[in-house]
Amino acid sequence: MADILVRLERYAVTGTLAVPRELNDLRDGIREIKAGDVRLPFFDVPGSIANAIRLTSGFFKSSWKTPRKHIDEAIWVRREDLAL
């Protein structure tokens, strides 16, 4: 849990991570923070005052590629949020 918080804080302050492999661009504005086997898909919230991000889900990665269902879910959440 501490690894995740450190990465989220670092991303919030700098917009990037020290080790580029900890941050992955997935698809359609969805990015992913990696902390060991934990993956956190997210997107930047446009127009937010504090440059907010929205975590869409979290899961344990057990394969080389991020499962499509998790990417599709994140895209769905992003579309729903941006439609408001």
N, C-alpha and C. Protein backbone atom coordinates (compact mmCIF):
# COMPACT_ATOMS: atom_id res chain seq x y z
N MET A 1 0.82 -1.19 0.00
CA MET A 1 0.00 0.00 0.00
C MET A 1 0.87 1.26 0.00
N ALA A 2 1.96 1.21 0.74
CA ALA A 2 2.84 2.38 0.80
C ALA A 2 3.45 2.67 -0.57
N ASP A 3 3.81 1.62 -1.32
CA ASP A 3 4.37 1.82 -2.67
C ASP A 3 3.38 2.55 -3.56
N ILE A 4 2.13 2.18 -3.46
CA ILE A 4 1.09 2.80 -4.28
C ILE A 4 0.95 4.28 -3.92
N LEU A 5 0.91 4.57 -2.63
CA LEU A 5 0.76 5.95 -2.19
C LEU A 5 1.95 6.80 -2.61
N VAL A 6 3.15 6.26 -2.52
CA VAL A 6 4.34 6.99 -2.95
C VAL A 6 4.25 7.31 -4.44
N ARG A 7 3.86 6.35 -5.24
CA ARG A 7 3.76 6.58 -6.68
C ARG A 7 2.67 7.59 -7.02
N LEU A 8 1.51 7.49 -6.36
CA LEU A 8 0.44 8.45 -6.61
C LEU A 8 0.87 9.86 -6.22
N GLU A 9 1.53 10.00 -5.09
CA GLU A 9 1.99 11.33 -4.66
C GLU A 9 3.02 11.88 -5.64
N ARG A 10 3.96 11.05 -6.05
CA ARG A 10 4.99 11.49 -7.00
C ARG A 10 4.34 11.92 -8.32
N TYR A 11 3.37 11.16 -8.80
CA TYR A 11 2.69 11.52 -10.03
C TYR A 11 1.92 12.83 -9.86
N ALA A 12 1.27 13.01 -8.71
CA ALA A 12 0.51 14.23 -8.45
C ALA A 12 1.40 15.47 -8.46
N VAL A 13 2.60 15.33 -7.94
CA VAL A 13 3.51 16.48 -7.85
C VAL A 13 4.20 16.75 -9.19
N THR A 14 4.66 15.70 -9.86
CA THR A 14 5.51 15.89 -11.04
C THR A 14 4.82 15.60 -12.37
N GLY A 15 3.72 14.84 -12.35
CA GLY A 15 3.07 14.45 -13.59
C GLY A 15 3.74 13.29 -14.29
N THR A 16 4.73 12.71 -13.64
CA THR A 16 5.44 11.57 -14.18
C THR A 16 5.98 10.75 -13.01
N LEU A 17 6.66 9.66 -13.31
CA LEU A 17 7.27 8.86 -12.25
C LEU A 17 8.76 8.72 -12.53
N ALA A 18 9.54 8.54 -11.48
CA ALA A 18 11.00 8.46 -11.60
C ALA A 18 11.41 7.31 -12.50
N VAL A 19 10.76 6.20 -12.37
CA VAL A 19 11.05 5.04 -13.22
C VAL A 19 9.93 4.95 -14.24
N PRO A 20 10.22 5.24 -15.52
CA PRO A 20 9.15 5.26 -16.53
C PRO A 20 8.36 3.96 -16.63
N ARG A 21 8.96 2.84 -16.27
CA ARG A 21 8.23 1.57 -16.34
C ARG A 21 7.09 1.49 -15.33
N GLU A 22 7.05 2.40 -14.36
CA GLU A 22 5.97 2.40 -13.37
C GLU A 22 4.71 3.09 -13.88
N LEU A 23 4.81 3.72 -15.03
CA LEU A 23 3.69 4.45 -15.62
C LEU A 23 3.53 3.98 -17.06
N ASN A 24 2.33 3.57 -17.41
CA ASN A 24 2.11 2.99 -18.72
C ASN A 24 0.91 3.65 -19.39
N ASP A 25 1.05 4.05 -20.66
CA ASP A 25 -0.08 4.54 -21.44
C ASP A 25 -0.79 3.32 -22.02
N LEU A 26 -2.10 3.24 -21.77
CA LEU A 26 -2.86 2.09 -22.25
C LEU A 26 -3.58 2.42 -23.55
N ARG A 27 -4.68 3.18 -23.46
CA ARG A 27 -5.46 3.50 -24.66
C ARG A 27 -6.49 4.57 -24.34
N ASP A 28 -6.79 5.43 -25.30
CA ASP A 28 -7.87 6.43 -25.20
C ASP A 28 -7.78 7.29 -23.93
N GLY A 29 -6.59 7.75 -23.59
CA GLY A 29 -6.42 8.61 -22.43
C GLY A 29 -6.30 7.88 -21.11
N ILE A 30 -6.28 6.57 -21.15
CA ILE A 30 -6.15 5.77 -19.93
C ILE A 30 -4.67 5.46 -19.72
N ARG A 31 -4.22 5.68 -18.50
CA ARG A 31 -2.86 5.35 -18.11
C ARG A 31 -2.92 4.36 -16.96
N GLU A 32 -1.78 3.83 -16.58
CA GLU A 32 -1.73 2.81 -15.54
C GLU A 32 -0.49 3.04 -14.67
N ILE A 33 -0.71 3.07 -13.37
CA ILE A 33 0.40 3.11 -12.41
C ILE A 33 0.65 1.68 -11.95
N LYS A 34 1.93 1.30 -11.94
CA LYS A 34 2.31 -0.06 -11.56
C LYS A 34 3.07 -0.02 -10.24
N ALA A 35 2.70 -0.91 -9.34
CA ALA A 35 3.40 -1.07 -8.06
C ALA A 35 3.45 -2.57 -7.77
N GLY A 36 4.55 -3.20 -8.15
CA GLY A 36 4.64 -4.65 -8.01
C GLY A 36 3.62 -5.31 -8.92
N ASP A 37 2.77 -6.17 -8.35
CA ASP A 37 1.71 -6.84 -9.12
C ASP A 37 0.42 -6.04 -9.17
N VAL A 38 0.37 -4.91 -8.49
CA VAL A 38 -0.85 -4.09 -8.44
C VAL A 38 -0.85 -3.11 -9.61
N ARG A 39 -1.99 -3.02 -10.28
CA ARG A 39 -2.16 -2.09 -11.39
C ARG A 39 -3.34 -1.18 -11.09
N LEU A 40 -3.17 0.11 -11.36
CA LEU A 40 -4.21 1.10 -11.11
C LEU A 40 -4.45 1.92 -12.38
N PRO A 41 -5.43 1.54 -13.18
CA PRO A 41 -5.78 2.36 -14.34
C PRO A 41 -6.39 3.69 -13.88
N PHE A 42 -6.08 4.76 -14.61
CA PHE A 42 -6.59 6.08 -14.25
C PHE A 42 -6.60 6.97 -15.48
N PHE A 43 -7.24 8.13 -15.32
CA PHE A 43 -7.18 9.16 -16.36
C PHE A 43 -7.12 10.52 -15.69
N ASP A 44 -6.57 11.49 -16.41
CA ASP A 44 -6.53 12.86 -15.92
C ASP A 44 -7.91 13.47 -16.10
N VAL A 45 -8.36 14.24 -15.11
CA VAL A 45 -9.66 14.89 -15.17
C VAL A 45 -9.46 16.27 -15.79
N PRO A 46 -9.91 16.46 -17.02
CA PRO A 46 -9.69 17.75 -17.67
C PRO A 46 -10.46 18.87 -16.99
N GLY A 47 -9.82 20.02 -16.89
CA GLY A 47 -10.47 21.18 -16.31
C GLY A 47 -10.53 21.19 -14.79
N SER A 48 -9.95 20.20 -14.14
CA SER A 48 -9.99 20.19 -12.67
C SER A 48 -9.00 21.22 -12.13
N ILE A 49 -9.37 21.85 -11.06
CA ILE A 49 -8.54 22.90 -10.47
C ILE A 49 -7.22 22.36 -9.96
N ALA A 50 -7.23 21.18 -9.40
CA ALA A 50 -6.02 20.61 -8.78
C ALA A 50 -5.34 19.56 -9.65
N ASN A 51 -5.60 19.57 -10.98
CA ASN A 51 -5.04 18.55 -11.87
C ASN A 51 -5.32 17.15 -11.33
N ALA A 52 -6.58 16.90 -11.04
CA ALA A 52 -6.99 15.64 -10.44
C ALA A 52 -6.89 14.48 -11.42
N ILE A 53 -6.75 13.30 -10.85
CA ILE A 53 -6.84 12.08 -11.62
C ILE A 53 -7.98 11.25 -11.06
N ARG A 54 -8.51 10.35 -11.87
CA ARG A 54 -9.59 9.48 -11.43
C ARG A 54 -9.13 8.05 -11.58
N LEU A 55 -8.98 7.35 -10.46
CA LEU A 55 -8.67 5.92 -10.50
C LEU A 55 -9.94 5.19 -10.89
N THR A 56 -9.83 4.30 -11.86
CA THR A 56 -11.02 3.60 -12.33
C THR A 56 -11.21 2.25 -11.68
N SER A 57 -10.12 1.60 -11.29
CA SER A 57 -10.18 0.30 -10.64
C SER A 57 -8.78 -0.06 -10.18
N GLY A 58 -8.66 -1.16 -9.55
CA GLY A 58 -7.36 -1.68 -9.17
C GLY A 58 -7.43 -3.20 -9.28
N PHE A 59 -6.32 -3.79 -9.68
CA PHE A 59 -6.32 -5.25 -9.81
C PHE A 59 -4.90 -5.76 -9.72
N PHE A 60 -4.79 -7.06 -9.47
CA PHE A 60 -3.50 -7.73 -9.47
C PHE A 60 -3.25 -8.27 -10.87
N LYS A 61 -2.14 -7.91 -11.43
CA LYS A 61 -1.81 -8.33 -12.78
C LYS A 61 -1.15 -9.70 -12.73
N SER A 62 -1.65 -10.60 -13.55
CA SER A 62 -1.10 -11.96 -13.54
C SER A 62 -0.59 -12.38 -14.91
N SER A 63 -0.64 -11.46 -15.89
CA SER A 63 -0.14 -11.78 -17.22
C SER A 63 0.71 -10.62 -17.73
N TRP A 64 1.35 -10.83 -18.87
CA TRP A 64 2.27 -9.82 -19.41
C TRP A 64 1.53 -8.54 -19.79
N LYS A 65 0.40 -8.67 -20.48
CA LYS A 65 -0.36 -7.50 -20.92
C LYS A 65 -1.51 -7.24 -19.95
N THR A 66 -1.91 -5.97 -19.89
CA THR A 66 -3.08 -5.61 -19.10
C THR A 66 -4.31 -6.21 -19.78
N PRO A 67 -5.12 -6.96 -19.02
CA PRO A 67 -6.31 -7.58 -19.63
C PRO A 67 -7.24 -6.54 -20.26
N ARG A 68 -7.73 -6.85 -21.42
CA ARG A 68 -8.59 -5.92 -22.16
C ARG A 68 -9.82 -5.50 -21.36
N LYS A 69 -10.36 -6.41 -20.56
CA LYS A 69 -11.57 -6.06 -19.79
C LYS A 69 -11.31 -4.91 -18.83
N HIS A 70 -10.11 -4.82 -18.27
CA HIS A 70 -9.78 -3.73 -17.35
C HIS A 70 -9.60 -2.42 -18.11
N ILE A 71 -9.03 -2.48 -19.30
CA ILE A 71 -8.88 -1.28 -20.12
C ILE A 71 -10.26 -0.80 -20.58
N ASP A 72 -11.09 -1.71 -21.04
CA ASP A 72 -12.43 -1.35 -21.50
C ASP A 72 -13.26 -0.76 -20.36
N GLU A 73 -13.14 -1.31 -19.16
CA GLU A 73 -13.85 -0.77 -18.00
C GLU A 73 -13.40 0.65 -17.71
N ALA A 74 -12.09 0.90 -17.76
CA ALA A 74 -11.55 2.23 -17.50
C ALA A 74 -12.03 3.23 -18.55
N ILE A 75 -12.08 2.81 -19.81
CA ILE A 75 -12.57 3.68 -20.88
C ILE A 75 -14.03 4.00 -20.66
N TRP A 76 -14.82 3.02 -20.25
CA TRP A 76 -16.24 3.25 -19.97
C TRP A 76 -16.42 4.27 -18.85
N VAL A 77 -15.64 4.12 -17.76
CA VAL A 77 -15.73 5.06 -16.64
C VAL A 77 -15.35 6.46 -17.11
N ARG A 78 -14.28 6.56 -17.90
CA ARG A 78 -13.83 7.87 -18.39
C ARG A 78 -14.92 8.53 -19.24
N ARG A 79 -15.50 7.77 -20.14
CA ARG A 79 -16.58 8.34 -21.00
C ARG A 79 -17.77 8.80 -20.17
N GLU A 80 -18.16 8.01 -19.19
CA GLU A 80 -19.27 8.38 -18.31
C GLU A 80 -18.96 9.65 -17.53
N ASP A 81 -17.75 9.74 -16.98
CA ASP A 81 -17.37 10.92 -16.20
C ASP A 81 -17.30 12.17 -17.06
N LEU A 82 -16.73 12.05 -18.26
CA LEU A 82 -16.56 13.22 -19.11
C LEU A 82 -17.86 13.67 -19.75
N ALA A 83 -18.86 12.80 -19.77
CA ALA A 83 -20.16 13.15 -20.34
C ALA A 83 -20.96 14.05 -19.39
N LEU A 84 -20.57 14.10 -18.13
CA LEU A 84 -21.33 14.91 -17.15
C LEU A 84 -21.11 16.37 -17.30
